[in-house]
């Protein structure tokens, strides 16, 4: 199992059901050294899944910055589904969370 950190729409039950076919179980965590901004989503399919025109995105911040969110246990198939869901503004990187867990996170491309 891999870990996926979400600070945005991947926490929504509807997005999880559409992307993974089930609800994910997660625990609160945070991404240190990053800050959250918003971007406009122009992909109609992603907009339809989330119901939101603007989605959060994280960009490098100061050491004191951190982005709260949830960490989920996911499979490689789940990660592939998430890759399909996220638009080109995002890229997937490995990052260490505040808890010490190493997780995949989608950040500003």
PDB file of N, CA and C in Angstrom:
ATOM      1  N   UNK A   1       0.838  -1.192   0.000  1.00  0.00           N
ATOM      2  CA  UNK A   1       0.000   0.000   0.000  1.00  0.00           C
ATOM      3  C   UNK A   1       0.879   1.250   0.000  1.00  0.00           C
ATOM      4  N   UNK A   2       0.394   2.248  -0.699  1.00  0.00           N
ATOM      5  CA  UNK A   2       1.049   3.549  -0.728  1.00  0.00           C
ATOM      6  C   UNK A   2       0.211   4.531   0.082  1.00  0.00           C
ATOM      7  N   UNK A   3       0.758   5.692   0.337  1.00  0.00           N
ATOM      8  CA  UNK A   3       0.027   6.751   1.016  1.00  0.00           C
ATOM      9  C   UNK A   3      -0.178   7.916   0.059  1.00  0.00           C
ATOM     10  N   UNK A   4      -1.358   8.508   0.132  1.00  0.00           N
ATOM     11  CA  UNK A   4      -1.716   9.669  -0.678  1.00  0.00           C
ATOM     12  C   UNK A   4      -2.199  10.763   0.259  1.00  0.00           C
ATOM     13  N   UNK A   5      -1.590  11.957   0.142  1.00  0.00           N
ATOM     14  CA  UNK A   5      -2.014  13.089   0.948  1.00  0.00           C
ATOM     15  C   UNK A   5      -2.910  13.981   0.117  1.00  0.00           C
ATOM     16  N   UNK A   6      -4.081  14.310   0.653  1.00  0.00           N
ATOM     17  CA  UNK A   6      -5.024  15.201  -0.020  1.00  0.00           C
ATOM     18  C   UNK A   6      -5.319  16.409   0.851  1.00  0.00           C
ATOM     19  N   UNK A   7      -5.284  17.567   0.213  1.00  0.00           N
ATOM     20  CA  UNK A   7      -5.617  18.827   0.880  1.00  0.00           C
ATOM     21  C   UNK A   7      -6.805  19.491   0.199  1.00  0.00           C
ATOM     22  N   UNK A   8      -7.451  18.751  -0.729  1.00  0.00           N
ATOM     23  CA  UNK A   8      -8.523  19.366  -1.509  1.00  0.00           C
ATOM     24  C   UNK A   8      -9.625  18.397  -1.876  1.00  0.00           C
ATOM     25  N   UNK A   9      -9.996  18.405  -3.155  1.00  0.00           N
ATOM     26  CA  UNK A   9     -11.202  17.715  -3.612  1.00  0.00           C
ATOM     27  C   UNK A   9     -11.132  16.189  -3.504  1.00  0.00           C
ATOM     28  N   UNK A  10      -9.942  15.617  -3.410  1.00  0.00           N
ATOM     29  CA  UNK A  10      -9.859  14.162  -3.246  1.00  0.00           C
ATOM     30  C   UNK A  10     -10.388  13.699  -1.890  1.00  0.00           C
ATOM     31  N   UNK A  11     -10.701  14.646  -1.013  1.00  0.00           N
ATOM     32  CA  UNK A  11     -11.324  14.311   0.269  1.00  0.00           C
ATOM     33  C   UNK A  11     -12.850  14.194   0.132  1.00  0.00           C
ATOM     34  N   UNK A  12     -13.408  14.670  -0.978  1.00  0.00           N
ATOM     35  CA  UNK A  12     -14.866  14.663  -1.164  1.00  0.00           C
ATOM     36  C   UNK A  12     -15.366  13.248  -1.461  1.00  0.00           C
ATOM     37  N   UNK A  13     -16.408  12.804  -0.785  1.00  0.00           N
ATOM     38  CA  UNK A  13     -16.950  11.464  -1.050  1.00  0.00           C
ATOM     39  C   UNK A  13     -17.321  11.237  -2.515  1.00  0.00           C
ATOM     40  N   UNK A  14     -17.924  12.226  -3.165  1.00  0.00           N
ATOM     41  CA  UNK A  14     -18.315  12.058  -4.567  1.00  0.00           C
ATOM     42  C   UNK A  14     -17.125  11.869  -5.488  1.00  0.00           C
ATOM     43  N   UNK A  15     -16.043  12.589  -5.242  1.00  0.00           N
ATOM     44  CA  UNK A  15     -14.824  12.454  -6.049  1.00  0.00           C
ATOM     45  C   UNK A  15     -14.195  11.088  -5.791  1.00  0.00           C
ATOM     46  N   UNK A  16     -14.183  10.645  -4.535  1.00  0.00           N
ATOM     47  CA  UNK A  16     -13.631   9.325  -4.225  1.00  0.00           C
ATOM     48  C   UNK A  16     -14.435   8.213  -4.897  1.00  0.00           C
ATOM     49  N   UNK A  17     -15.756   8.300  -4.840  1.00  0.00           N
ATOM     50  CA  UNK A  17     -16.589   7.262  -5.467  1.00  0.00           C
ATOM     51  C   UNK A  17     -16.370   7.238  -6.982  1.00  0.00           C
ATOM     52  N   UNK A  18     -16.300   8.414  -7.604  1.00  0.00           N
ATOM     53  CA  UNK A  18     -16.098   8.484  -9.060  1.00  0.00           C
ATOM     54  C   UNK A  18     -14.700   8.014  -9.461  1.00  0.00           C
ATOM     55  N   UNK A  19     -13.712   8.323  -8.640  1.00  0.00           N
ATOM     56  CA  UNK A  19     -12.327   7.992  -8.988  1.00  0.00           C
ATOM     57  C   UNK A  19     -11.925   6.565  -8.588  1.00  0.00           C
ATOM     58  N   UNK A  20     -12.365   6.118  -7.401  1.00  0.00           N
ATOM     59  CA  UNK A  20     -11.891   4.852  -6.850  1.00  0.00           C
ATOM     60  C   UNK A  20     -12.982   3.791  -6.700  1.00  0.00           C
ATOM     61  N   UNK A  21     -14.244   4.193  -6.814  1.00  0.00           N
ATOM     62  CA  UNK A  21     -15.342   3.250  -6.647  1.00  0.00           C
ATOM     63  C   UNK A  21     -15.622   2.900  -5.196  1.00  0.00           C
ATOM     64  N   UNK A  22     -15.014   3.646  -4.275  1.00  0.00           N
ATOM     65  CA  UNK A  22     -15.217   3.418  -2.845  1.00  0.00           C
ATOM     66  C   UNK A  22     -14.753   4.657  -2.089  1.00  0.00           C
ATOM     67  N   UNK A  23     -15.134   4.721  -0.817  1.00  0.00           N
ATOM     68  CA  UNK A  23     -14.661   5.799   0.035  1.00  0.00           C
ATOM     69  C   UNK A  23     -13.343   5.380   0.679  1.00  0.00           C
ATOM     70  N   UNK A  24     -12.403   6.297   0.739  1.00  0.00           N
ATOM     71  CA  UNK A  24     -11.107   6.030   1.348  1.00  0.00           C
ATOM     72  C   UNK A  24     -11.158   6.354   2.838  1.00  0.00           C
ATOM     73  N   UNK A  25     -10.401   5.609   3.612  1.00  0.00           N
ATOM     74  CA  UNK A  25     -10.274   5.897   5.039  1.00  0.00           C
ATOM     75  C   UNK A  25      -8.970   6.658   5.228  1.00  0.00           C
ATOM     76  N   UNK A  26      -9.059   7.768   5.942  1.00  0.00           N
ATOM     77  CA  UNK A  26      -7.874   8.585   6.121  1.00  0.00           C
ATOM     78  C   UNK A  26      -7.737   9.108   7.528  1.00  0.00           C
ATOM     79  N   UNK A  27      -6.584   9.717   7.778  1.00  0.00           N
ATOM     80  CA  UNK A  27      -6.315  10.355   9.057  1.00  0.00           C
ATOM     81  C   UNK A  27      -5.775  11.756   8.794  1.00  0.00           C
ATOM     82  N   UNK A  28      -6.069  12.688   9.691  1.00  0.00           N
ATOM     83  CA  UNK A  28      -5.569  14.050   9.518  1.00  0.00           C
ATOM     84  C   UNK A  28      -4.037  14.086   9.580  1.00  0.00           C
ATOM     85  N   UNK A  29      -3.454  14.954   8.755  1.00  0.00           N
ATOM     86  CA  UNK A  29      -2.013  15.143   8.736  1.00  0.00           C
ATOM     87  C   UNK A  29      -1.764  16.518   8.132  1.00  0.00           C
ATOM     88  N   UNK A  30      -0.521  16.853   7.876  1.00  0.00           N
ATOM     89  CA  UNK A  30      -0.195  18.150   7.286  1.00  0.00           C
ATOM     90  C   UNK A  30       1.069  18.021   6.448  1.00  0.00           C
ATOM     91  N   UNK A  31       1.195  18.910   5.463  1.00  0.00           N
ATOM     92  CA  UNK A  31       2.345  18.969   4.566  1.00  0.00           C
ATOM     93  C   UNK A  31       3.175  20.195   4.935  1.00  0.00           C
ATOM     94  N   UNK A  32       4.319  19.992   5.614  1.00  0.00           N
ATOM     95  CA  UNK A  32       5.119  21.138   6.030  1.00  0.00           C
ATOM     96  C   UNK A  32       5.913  21.743   4.876  1.00  0.00           C
ATOM     97  N   UNK A  33       6.132  23.079   4.960  1.00  0.00           N
ATOM     98  CA  UNK A  33       6.963  23.768   3.982  1.00  0.00           C
ATOM     99  C   UNK A  33       6.253  24.143   2.691  1.00  0.00           C
ATOM    100  N   UNK A  34       4.944  23.991   2.666  1.00  0.00           N
ATOM    101  CA  UNK A  34       4.141  24.320   1.480  1.00  0.00           C
ATOM    102  C   UNK A  34       3.005  25.237   1.901  1.00  0.00           C
ATOM    103  N   UNK A  35       2.451  25.973   0.943  1.00  0.00           N
ATOM    104  CA  UNK A  35       1.274  26.794   1.205  1.00  0.00           C
ATOM    105  C   UNK A  35       0.243  26.552   0.113  1.00  0.00           C
ATOM    106  N   UNK A  36      -1.008  26.789   0.457  1.00  0.00           N
ATOM    107  CA  UNK A  36      -2.138  26.493  -0.416  1.00  0.00           C
ATOM    108  C   UNK A  36      -2.573  27.742  -1.173  1.00  0.00           C
ATOM    109  N   UNK A  37      -2.810  27.580  -2.481  1.00  0.00           N
ATOM    110  CA  UNK A  37      -3.386  28.613  -3.333  1.00  0.00           C
ATOM    111  C   UNK A  37      -4.563  27.988  -4.070  1.00  0.00           C
ATOM    112  N   UNK A  38      -5.223  28.761  -4.921  1.00  0.00           N
ATOM    113  CA  UNK A  38      -6.355  28.247  -5.697  1.00  0.00           C
ATOM    114  C   UNK A  38      -6.081  28.440  -7.192  1.00  0.00           C
ATOM    115  N   UNK A  39      -6.549  27.467  -8.000  1.00  0.00           N
ATOM    116  CA  UNK A  39      -6.475  27.590  -9.452  1.00  0.00           C
ATOM    117  C   UNK A  39      -7.855  27.316 -10.045  1.00  0.00           C
ATOM    118  N   UNK A  40      -8.093  27.866 -11.234  1.00  0.00           N
ATOM    119  CA  UNK A  40      -9.354  27.620 -11.923  1.00  0.00           C
ATOM    120  C   UNK A  40      -9.253  26.340 -12.732  1.00  0.00           C
ATOM    121  N   UNK A  41     -10.251  25.487 -12.602  1.00  0.00           N
ATOM    122  CA  UNK A  41     -10.305  24.218 -13.334  1.00  0.00           C
ATOM    123  C   UNK A  41     -11.127  24.425 -14.601  1.00  0.00           C
ATOM    124  N   UNK A  42     -10.527  24.103 -15.746  1.00  0.00           N
ATOM    125  CA  UNK A  42     -11.225  24.256 -17.022  1.00  0.00           C
ATOM    126  C   UNK A  42     -11.605  22.908 -17.634  1.00  0.00           C
ATOM    127  N   UNK A  43     -11.143  21.805 -17.049  1.00  0.00           N
ATOM    128  CA  UNK A  43     -11.480  20.459 -17.531  1.00  0.00           C
ATOM    129  C   UNK A  43     -12.910  20.137 -17.089  1.00  0.00           C
ATOM    130  N   UNK A  44     -13.794  19.952 -18.061  1.00  0.00           N
ATOM    131  CA  UNK A  44     -15.221  19.753 -17.771  1.00  0.00           C
ATOM    132  C   UNK A  44     -15.473  18.502 -16.925  1.00  0.00           C
ATOM    133  N   UNK A  45     -14.739  17.419 -17.167  1.00  0.00           N
ATOM    134  CA  UNK A  45     -14.949  16.174 -16.422  1.00  0.00           C
ATOM    135  C   UNK A  45     -14.555  16.348 -14.951  1.00  0.00           C
ATOM    136  N   UNK A  46     -13.446  17.021 -14.710  1.00  0.00           N
ATOM    137  CA  UNK A  46     -12.996  17.244 -13.336  1.00  0.00           C
ATOM    138  C   UNK A  46     -13.965  18.182 -12.624  1.00  0.00           C
ATOM    139  N   UNK A  47     -14.408  19.226 -13.324  1.00  0.00           N
ATOM    140  CA  UNK A  47     -15.382  20.148 -12.751  1.00  0.00           C
ATOM    141  C   UNK A  47     -16.675  19.410 -12.391  1.00  0.00           C
ATOM    142  N   UNK A  48     -17.112  18.495 -13.275  1.00  0.00           N
ATOM    143  CA  UNK A  48     -18.340  17.736 -13.024  1.00  0.00           C
ATOM    144  C   UNK A  48     -18.195  16.844 -11.788  1.00  0.00           C
ATOM    145  N   UNK A  49     -17.020  16.225 -11.609  1.00  0.00           N
ATOM    146  CA  UNK A  49     -16.816  15.348 -10.456  1.00  0.00           C
ATOM    147  C   UNK A  49     -16.803  16.123  -9.144  1.00  0.00           C
ATOM    148  N   UNK A  50     -16.101  17.247  -9.135  1.00  0.00           N
ATOM    149  CA  UNK A  50     -15.928  17.986  -7.875  1.00  0.00           C
ATOM    150  C   UNK A  50     -17.047  18.989  -7.631  1.00  0.00           C
ATOM    151  N   UNK A  51     -17.653  19.486  -8.716  1.00  0.00           N
ATOM    152  CA  UNK A  51     -18.663  20.522  -8.587  1.00  0.00           C
ATOM    153  C   UNK A  51     -18.068  21.878  -8.232  1.00  0.00           C
ATOM    154  N   UNK A  52     -16.762  21.991  -8.324  1.00  0.00           N
ATOM    155  CA  UNK A  52     -16.082  23.228  -7.949  1.00  0.00           C
ATOM    156  C   UNK A  52     -15.230  23.746  -9.097  1.00  0.00           C
ATOM    157  N   UNK A  53     -15.399  25.013  -9.430  1.00  0.00           N
ATOM    158  CA  UNK A  53     -14.629  25.653 -10.505  1.00  0.00           C
ATOM    159  C   UNK A  53     -13.185  25.935 -10.069  1.00  0.00           C
ATOM    160  N   UNK A  54     -12.975  26.240  -8.781  1.00  0.00           N
ATOM    161  CA  UNK A  54     -11.637  26.530  -8.269  1.00  0.00           C
ATOM    162  C   UNK A  54     -11.207  25.436  -7.300  1.00  0.00           C
ATOM    163  N   UNK A  55      -9.995  24.918  -7.526  1.00  0.00           N
ATOM    164  CA  UNK A  55      -9.447  23.861  -6.685  1.00  0.00           C
ATOM    165  C   UNK A  55      -8.189  24.363  -5.989  1.00  0.00           C
ATOM    166  N   UNK A  56      -7.909  23.849  -4.792  1.00  0.00           N
ATOM    167  CA  UNK A  56      -6.657  24.207  -4.137  1.00  0.00           C
ATOM    168  C   UNK A  56      -5.467  23.541  -4.828  1.00  0.00           C
ATOM    169  N   UNK A  57      -4.328  24.191  -4.713  1.00  0.00           N
ATOM    170  CA  UNK A  57      -3.060  23.651  -5.203  1.00  0.00           C
ATOM    171  C   UNK A  57      -1.998  24.116  -4.222  1.00  0.00           C
ATOM    172  N   UNK A  58      -0.952  23.330  -4.034  1.00  0.00           N
ATOM    173  CA  UNK A  58       0.107  23.749  -3.115  1.00  0.00           C
ATOM    174  C   UNK A  58       1.347  24.154  -3.892  1.00  0.00           C
ATOM    175  N   UNK A  59       2.004  25.184  -3.357  1.00  0.00           N
ATOM    176  CA  UNK A  59       3.250  25.715  -3.910  1.00  0.00           C
ATOM    177  C   UNK A  59       4.265  25.780  -2.775  1.00  0.00           C
ATOM    178  N   UNK A  60       5.558  25.765  -3.103  1.00  0.00           N
ATOM    179  CA  UNK A  60       6.558  25.842  -2.035  1.00  0.00           C
ATOM    180  C   UNK A  60       6.351  27.086  -1.177  1.00  0.00           C
ATOM    181  N   UNK A  61       6.535  26.908   0.114  1.00  0.00           N
ATOM    182  CA  UNK A  61       6.371  28.007   1.056  1.00  0.00           C
ATOM    183  C   UNK A  61       7.579  28.130   1.960  1.00  0.00           C
ATOM    184  N   UNK A  62       7.367  28.763   3.078  1.00  0.00           N
ATOM    185  CA  UNK A  62       8.414  28.917   4.090  1.00  0.00           C
ATOM    186  C   UNK A  62       8.441  27.674   4.980  1.00  0.00           C
ATOM    187  N   UNK A  63       9.517  27.521   5.729  1.00  0.00           N
ATOM    188  CA  UNK A  63       9.625  26.387   6.662  1.00  0.00           C
ATOM    189  C   UNK A  63       8.459  26.348   7.636  1.00  0.00           C
ATOM    190  N   UNK A  64       7.965  27.532   8.020  1.00  0.00           N
ATOM    191  CA  UNK A  64       6.889  27.614   9.011  1.00  0.00           C
ATOM    192  C   UNK A  64       5.503  27.338   8.413  1.00  0.00           C
ATOM    193  N   UNK A  65       5.395  27.311   7.079  1.00  0.00           N
ATOM    194  CA  UNK A  65       4.108  27.039   6.432  1.00  0.00           C
ATOM    195  C   UNK A  65       3.773  25.552   6.523  1.00  0.00           C
ATOM    196  N   UNK A  66       2.479  25.242   6.529  1.00  0.00           N
ATOM    197  CA  UNK A  66       2.037  23.852   6.404  1.00  0.00           C
ATOM    198  C   UNK A  66       0.603  23.848   5.902  1.00  0.00           C
ATOM    199  N   UNK A  67       0.292  22.799   5.158  1.00  0.00           N
ATOM    200  CA  UNK A  67      -1.041  22.645   4.578  1.00  0.00           C
ATOM    201  C   UNK A  67      -1.714  21.464   5.265  1.00  0.00           C
ATOM    202  N   UNK A  68      -2.872  21.688   5.912  1.00  0.00           N
ATOM    203  CA  UNK A  68      -3.595  20.582   6.540  1.00  0.00           C
ATOM    204  C   UNK A  68      -4.323  19.745   5.487  1.00  0.00           C
ATOM    205  N   UNK A  69      -4.531  18.480   5.810  1.00  0.00           N
ATOM    206  CA  UNK A  69      -5.261  17.601   4.909  1.00  0.00           C
ATOM    207  C   UNK A  69      -5.437  16.231   5.519  1.00  0.00           C
ATOM    208  N   UNK A  70      -5.624  15.251   4.649  1.00  0.00           N
ATOM    209  CA  UNK A  70      -5.824  13.866   5.073  1.00  0.00           C
ATOM    210  C   UNK A  70      -4.844  12.970   4.329  1.00  0.00           C
ATOM    211  N   UNK A  71      -4.351  11.951   5.028  1.00  0.00           N
ATOM    212  CA  UNK A  71      -3.509  10.951   4.389  1.00  0.00           C
ATOM    213  C   UNK A  71      -4.311   9.657   4.289  1.00  0.00           C
ATOM    214  N   UNK A  72      -4.294   9.077   3.086  1.00  0.00           N
ATOM    215  CA  UNK A  72      -5.060   7.864   2.790  1.00  0.00           C
ATOM    216  C   UNK A  72      -4.122   6.743   2.379  1.00  0.00           C
ATOM    217  N   UNK A  73      -4.477   5.499   2.725  1.00  0.00           N
ATOM    218  CA  UNK A  73      -3.783   4.332   2.175  1.00  0.00           C
ATOM    219  C   UNK A  73      -4.437   4.008   0.847  1.00  0.00           C
ATOM    220  N   UNK A  74      -3.619   3.886  -0.205  1.00  0.00           N
ATOM    221  CA  UNK A  74      -4.138   3.641  -1.545  1.00  0.00           C
ATOM    222  C   UNK A  74      -3.317   2.564  -2.248  1.00  0.00           C
ATOM    223  N   UNK A  75      -3.899   2.019  -3.296  1.00  0.00           N
ATOM    224  CA  UNK A  75      -3.221   1.034  -4.127  1.00  0.00           C
ATOM    225  C   UNK A  75      -2.590   1.735  -5.331  1.00  0.00           C
ATOM    226  N   UNK A  76      -1.795   1.000  -6.075  1.00  0.00           N
ATOM    227  CA  UNK A  76      -1.224   1.537  -7.316  1.00  0.00           C
ATOM    228  C   UNK A  76      -2.343   1.887  -8.308  1.00  0.00           C
ATOM    229  N   UNK A  77      -3.413   1.091  -8.323  1.00  0.00           N
ATOM    230  CA  UNK A  77      -4.568   1.391  -9.185  1.00  0.00           C
ATOM    231  C   UNK A  77      -5.222   2.705  -8.768  1.00  0.00           C
ATOM    232  N   UNK A  78      -5.304   2.961  -7.471  1.00  0.00           N
ATOM    233  CA  UNK A  78      -5.857   4.223  -6.976  1.00  0.00           C
ATOM    234  C   UNK A  78      -4.990   5.402  -7.436  1.00  0.00           C
ATOM    235  N   UNK A  79      -3.675   5.228  -7.365  1.00  0.00           N
ATOM    236  CA  UNK A  79      -2.777   6.298  -7.810  1.00  0.00           C
ATOM    237  C   UNK A  79      -2.944   6.574  -9.302  1.00  0.00           C
ATOM    238  N   UNK A  80      -3.109   5.520 -10.091  1.00  0.00           N
ATOM    239  CA  UNK A  80      -3.333   5.699 -11.524  1.00  0.00           C
ATOM    240  C   UNK A  80      -4.646   6.449 -11.772  1.00  0.00           C
ATOM    241  N   UNK A  81      -5.674   6.136 -10.996  1.00  0.00           N
ATOM    242  CA  UNK A  81      -6.954   6.839 -11.122  1.00  0.00           C
ATOM    243  C   UNK A  81      -6.803   8.305 -10.732  1.00  0.00           C
ATOM    244  N   UNK A  82      -6.005   8.561  -9.703  1.00  0.00           N
ATOM    245  CA  UNK A  82      -5.774   9.935  -9.278  1.00  0.00           C
ATOM    246  C   UNK A  82      -4.991  10.693 -10.343  1.00  0.00           C
ATOM    247  N   UNK A  83      -4.015  10.042 -10.966  1.00  0.00           N
ATOM    248  CA  UNK A  83      -3.275  10.671 -12.070  1.00  0.00           C
ATOM    249  C   UNK A  83      -4.225  11.096 -13.189  1.00  0.00           C
ATOM    250  N   UNK A  84      -5.233  10.275 -13.457  1.00  0.00           N
ATOM    251  CA  UNK A  84      -6.207  10.621 -14.506  1.00  0.00           C
ATOM    252  C   UNK A  84      -7.104  11.784 -14.077  1.00  0.00           C
ATOM    253  N   UNK A  85      -7.410  11.875 -12.788  1.00  0.00           N
ATOM    254  CA  UNK A  85      -8.289  12.922 -12.270  1.00  0.00           C
ATOM    255  C   UNK A  85      -7.593  14.284 -12.247  1.00  0.00           C
ATOM    256  N   UNK A  86      -6.347  14.321 -11.811  1.00  0.00           N
ATOM    257  CA  UNK A  86      -5.645  15.599 -11.664  1.00  0.00           C
ATOM    258  C   UNK A  86      -5.299  16.183 -13.031  1.00  0.00           C
ATOM    259  N   UNK A  87      -5.507  17.492 -13.174  1.00  0.00           N
ATOM    260  CA  UNK A  87      -5.236  18.175 -14.441  1.00  0.00           C
ATOM    261  C   UNK A  87      -3.750  18.489 -14.561  1.00  0.00           C
ATOM    262  N   UNK A  88      -3.331  18.996 -15.727  1.00  0.00           N
ATOM    263  CA  UNK A  88      -1.920  19.221 -16.028  1.00  0.00           C
ATOM    264  C   UNK A  88      -1.247  20.259 -15.126  1.00  0.00           C
ATOM    265  N   UNK A  89      -2.035  21.031 -14.373  1.00  0.00           N
ATOM    266  CA  UNK A  89      -1.457  22.011 -13.447  1.00  0.00           C
ATOM    267  C   UNK A  89      -0.771  21.334 -12.256  1.00  0.00           C
ATOM    268  N   UNK A  90      -1.053  20.043 -12.056  1.00  0.00           N
ATOM    269  CA  UNK A  90      -0.523  19.299 -10.918  1.00  0.00           C
ATOM    270  C   UNK A  90       0.504  18.269 -11.363  1.00  0.00           C
ATOM    271  N   UNK A  91       1.471  17.987 -10.487  1.00  0.00           N
ATOM    272  CA  UNK A  91       2.372  16.848 -10.671  1.00  0.00           C
ATOM    273  C   UNK A  91       2.445  16.109  -9.345  1.00  0.00           C
ATOM    274  N   UNK A  92       2.708  14.814  -9.418  1.00  0.00           N
ATOM    275  CA  UNK A  92       2.768  13.978  -8.212  1.00  0.00           C
ATOM    276  C   UNK A  92       4.213  13.854  -7.750  1.00  0.00           C
ATOM    277  N   UNK A  93       4.437  14.157  -6.469  1.00  0.00           N
ATOM    278  CA  UNK A  93       5.762  14.010  -5.879  1.00  0.00           C
ATOM    279  C   UNK A  93       5.646  13.235  -4.571  1.00  0.00           C
ATOM    280  N   UNK A  94       6.761  12.690  -4.119  1.00  0.00           N
ATOM    281  CA  UNK A  94       6.817  12.066  -2.797  1.00  0.00           C
ATOM    282  C   UNK A  94       7.242  13.134  -1.797  1.00  0.00           C
ATOM    283  N   UNK A  95       6.590  13.160  -0.645  1.00  0.00           N
ATOM    284  CA  UNK A  95       6.911  14.153   0.384  1.00  0.00           C
ATOM    285  C   UNK A  95       6.738  13.538   1.769  1.00  0.00           C
ATOM    286  N   UNK A  96       7.484  14.058   2.735  1.00  0.00           N
ATOM    287  CA  UNK A  96       7.345  13.614   4.111  1.00  0.00           C
ATOM    288  C   UNK A  96       6.337  14.516   4.808  1.00  0.00           C
ATOM    289  N   UNK A  97       5.319  13.904   5.402  1.00  0.00           N
ATOM    290  CA  UNK A  97       4.277  14.648   6.101  1.00  0.00           C
ATOM    291  C   UNK A  97       4.714  14.974   7.526  1.00  0.00           C
ATOM    292  N   UNK A  98       3.956  15.809   8.187  1.00  0.00           N
ATOM    293  CA  UNK A  98       4.251  16.221   9.564  1.00  0.00           C
ATOM    294  C   UNK A  98       4.356  15.010  10.490  1.00  0.00           C
ATOM    295  N   UNK A  99       3.544  13.984  10.225  1.00  0.00           N
ATOM    296  CA  UNK A  99       3.547  12.755  11.036  1.00  0.00           C
ATOM    297  C   UNK A  99       4.793  11.901  10.814  1.00  0.00           C
ATOM    298  N   UNK A 100       5.555  12.199   9.744  1.00  0.00           N
ATOM    299  CA  UNK A 100       6.702  11.378   9.377  1.00  0.00           C
ATOM    300  C   UNK A 100       6.398  10.397   8.264  1.00  0.00           C
ATOM    301  N   UNK A 101       5.125  10.259   7.902  1.00  0.00           N
ATOM    302  CA  UNK A 101       4.724   9.357   6.819  1.00  0.00           C
ATOM    303  C   UNK A 101       5.208   9.917   5.482  1.00  0.00           C
ATOM    304  N   UNK A 102       5.743   9.051   4.633  1.00  0.00           N
ATOM    305  CA  UNK A 102       6.104   9.406   3.261  1.00  0.00           C
ATOM    306  C   UNK A 102       4.862   9.164   2.404  1.00  0.00           C
ATOM    307  N   UNK A 103       4.431  10.186   1.670  1.00  0.00           N
ATOM    308  CA  UNK A 103       3.186  10.074   0.899  1.00  0.00           C
ATOM    309  C   UNK A 103       3.346  10.748  -0.454  1.00  0.00           C
ATOM    310  N   UNK A 104       2.519  10.315  -1.384  1.00  0.00           N
ATOM    311  CA  UNK A 104       2.397  11.006  -2.671  1.00  0.00           C
ATOM    312  C   UNK A 104       1.517  12.225  -2.467  1.00  0.00           C
ATOM    313  N   UNK A 105       1.913  13.327  -3.086  1.00  0.00           N
ATOM    314  CA  UNK A 105       1.169  14.591  -3.000  1.00  0.00           C
ATOM    315  C   UNK A 105       1.157  15.220  -4.378  1.00  0.00           C
ATOM    316  N   UNK A 106       0.016  15.797  -4.755  1.00  0.00           N
ATOM    317  CA  UNK A 106      -0.083  16.526  -6.019  1.00  0.00           C
ATOM    318  C   UNK A 106       0.158  17.997  -5.732  1.00  0.00           C
ATOM    319  N   UNK A 107       1.216  18.531  -6.368  1.00  0.00           N
ATOM    320  CA  UNK A 107       1.644  19.915  -6.141  1.00  0.00           C
ATOM    321  C   UNK A 107       1.626  20.670  -7.466  1.00  0.00           C
ATOM    322  N   UNK A 108       1.888  21.956  -7.420  1.00  0.00           N
ATOM    323  CA  UNK A 108       1.917  22.801  -8.618  1.00  0.00           C
ATOM    324  C   UNK A 108       2.980  22.289  -9.577  1.00  0.00           C
ATOM    325  N   UNK A 109       2.589  22.043 -10.816  1.00  0.00           N
ATOM    326  CA  UNK A 109       3.513  21.508 -11.821  1.00  0.00           C
ATOM    327  C   UNK A 109       4.547  22.525 -12.197  1.00  0.00           C
TER     328      UNK A 109
END
